[in-house]
Protein backbone atom coordinates (compact mmCIF):
# COMPACT_ATOMS: atom_id res chain seq x y z
CA UNK A 1 -181.22 129.92 149.69
CA UNK A 2 -181.11 126.88 151.91
CA UNK A 3 -180.90 126.83 155.71
CA UNK A 4 -177.27 125.64 155.77
CA UNK A 5 -176.11 128.54 153.57
CA UNK A 6 -178.21 130.99 155.57
CA UNK A 7 -176.59 130.07 158.89
CA UNK A 8 -173.08 129.82 157.41
CA UNK A 9 -173.35 133.32 155.93
CA UNK A 10 -175.59 135.27 158.29
CA UNK A 11 -174.36 136.66 161.59
CA UNK A 12 -176.72 137.36 164.44
CA UNK A 13 -177.92 136.39 167.89
CA UNK A 14 -179.79 133.20 168.67
CA UNK A 15 -182.03 132.22 171.57
CA UNK A 16 -183.07 128.62 172.18
CA UNK A 17 -186.27 128.32 174.21
CA UNK A 18 -187.31 125.09 175.92
CA UNK A 19 -189.78 124.04 178.59
CA UNK A 20 -189.67 121.20 181.08
CA UNK A 21 -192.33 118.52 181.43
CA UNK A 22 -194.40 120.81 183.67
CA UNK A 23 -194.28 123.71 181.20
CA UNK A 24 -191.71 125.87 183.01
CA UNK A 25 -189.96 127.84 180.27
CA UNK A 26 -186.28 128.66 179.85
CA UNK A 27 -184.45 130.67 177.19
CA UNK A 28 -180.71 130.73 176.57
CA UNK A 29 -178.34 132.38 174.12
CA UNK A 30 -177.07 129.81 171.59
CA UNK A 31 -174.77 129.98 168.59
CA UNK A 32 -176.04 129.38 165.08
CA UNK A 33 -177.11 125.77 164.63
CA UNK A 34 -175.25 123.15 162.62
CA UNK A 35 -177.24 121.87 159.65
CA UNK A 36 -176.30 118.22 159.24
CA UNK A 37 -176.14 116.28 155.97
CA UNK A 38 -179.24 114.28 156.96
CA UNK A 39 -181.18 117.53 157.40
CA UNK A 40 -181.00 117.49 161.18
CA UNK A 41 -180.47 120.77 163.02
CA UNK A 42 -177.92 120.39 165.81
CA UNK A 43 -176.71 122.40 168.77
CA UNK A 44 -173.74 121.65 171.02
CA UNK A 45 -174.78 121.98 174.66
CA UNK A 46 -173.66 121.22 178.17
CA UNK A 47 -175.78 119.40 180.75
CA UNK A 48 -177.53 122.53 181.96
CA UNK A 49 -181.16 123.63 182.14
CA UNK A 50 -181.81 123.60 178.38
CA UNK A 51 -180.49 120.04 178.09
CA UNK A 52 -182.42 118.93 181.19
CA UNK A 53 -185.66 120.38 179.78
CA UNK A 54 -185.21 118.40 176.57
CA UNK A 55 -185.11 115.17 178.57
CA UNK A 56 -188.78 115.62 179.53
CA UNK A 57 -190.09 117.77 176.66
CA UNK A 58 -188.58 117.31 173.17
CA UNK A 59 -189.89 120.61 171.73
CA UNK A 60 -187.88 123.81 171.36
CA UNK A 61 -187.92 127.07 169.42
CA UNK A 62 -184.81 128.78 168.09
CA UNK A 63 -185.19 132.52 167.48
CA UNK A 64 -182.43 134.04 165.35
CA UNK A 65 -182.14 137.81 164.93
CA UNK A 66 -179.80 138.97 162.18
CA UNK A 67 -177.19 141.64 162.88
CA UNK A 68 -178.04 145.02 161.39
CA UNK A 69 -180.92 147.43 161.38
CA UNK A 70 -184.49 146.30 161.70
CA UNK A 71 -185.89 143.02 162.86
CA UNK A 72 -184.89 140.35 160.38
CA UNK A 73 -184.31 136.72 161.09
CA UNK A 74 -185.99 133.37 161.60
CA UNK A 75 -187.95 131.29 164.08
CA UNK A 76 -187.33 127.55 163.90
CA UNK A 77 -189.81 125.22 165.60
CA UNK A 78 -187.98 122.03 166.53
CA UNK A 79 -188.47 118.54 167.93
CA UNK A 80 -185.57 116.61 169.44
CA UNK A 81 -184.64 113.47 167.50
CA UNK A 82 -181.52 112.27 169.28
CA UNK A 83 -178.34 113.27 171.05
CA UNK A 84 -174.74 112.19 170.71
CA UNK A 85 -171.77 112.38 173.08
CA UNK A 86 -168.98 111.48 170.62
CA UNK A 87 -166.28 113.96 171.66
CA UNK A 88 -164.48 113.80 168.30
CA UNK A 89 -167.65 114.52 166.33
CA UNK A 90 -168.56 117.39 168.65
CA UNK A 91 -165.03 118.83 168.39
CA UNK A 92 -165.21 118.62 164.58
CA UNK A 93 -168.38 120.74 164.61
CA UNK A 94 -167.25 123.22 167.25
CA UNK A 95 -166.70 126.73 165.90
CA UNK A 96 -164.48 127.65 168.85
CA UNK A 97 -160.80 126.82 169.12
CA UNK A 98 -160.25 123.28 170.47
CA UNK A 99 -159.27 123.32 174.11
CA UNK A 100 -160.55 126.87 174.56
CA UNK A 101 -163.72 126.08 176.48
CA UNK A 102 -164.97 128.31 179.27
CA UNK A 103 -166.98 125.45 180.77
CA UNK A 104 -166.10 121.84 181.42
CA UNK A 105 -168.30 118.80 181.59
CA UNK A 106 -169.90 116.47 179.11
CA UNK A 107 -170.94 118.04 175.84
CA UNK A 108 -173.92 116.83 173.88
CA UNK A 109 -174.73 117.18 170.21
CA UNK A 110 -178.51 117.50 170.32
CA UNK A 111 -180.16 116.91 166.95
CA UNK A 112 -183.62 118.23 166.07
CA UNK A 113 -186.11 117.85 163.25
CA UNK A 114 -187.40 121.11 161.79
CA UNK A 115 -191.18 121.16 162.18
CA UNK A 116 -191.88 124.72 161.01
CA UNK A 117 -189.96 127.83 159.99
CA UNK A 118 -191.24 131.42 160.10
CA UNK A 119 -189.78 134.88 159.66
CA UNK A 120 -188.70 136.60 162.86
CA UNK A 121 -191.73 138.87 162.72
CA UNK A 122 -195.13 137.93 161.34
CA UNK A 123 -196.76 134.68 160.29
CA UNK A 124 -195.06 134.46 156.91
CA UNK A 125 -192.74 131.69 155.85
CA UNK A 126 -189.29 132.84 154.66
CA UNK A 127 -187.88 132.14 151.23
CA UNK A 128 -185.45 129.61 152.70
CA UNK A 129 -185.50 125.88 152.09
CA UNK A 130 -184.77 123.43 154.88
């Protein structure tokens, strides 16, 4: 299975962890990432703490725990490549209904490179291709 199929077909809860330039850590609940055609892994975010941290430290980890019994899921180790503010592109990727946003402000499409992938628990690599 590839990463795009995994995230399109697997429900669960995701946490994106970042740290600022001084190493102060933050973690926030995030939806499943978008896997772009160029292989980038993207999240839509507002200009809040997670986005601010990525301005001074490009590294993040996304922990995804699958719904169901047990502890199954993935850990994605990421490095920020770029960000976009094209509202039409962001709207096309949004999984929520257009115009039904609980928070206003500029939205960013932050694109990462996958540096490493591990199972949720243990040091093993999953049987999932990037």
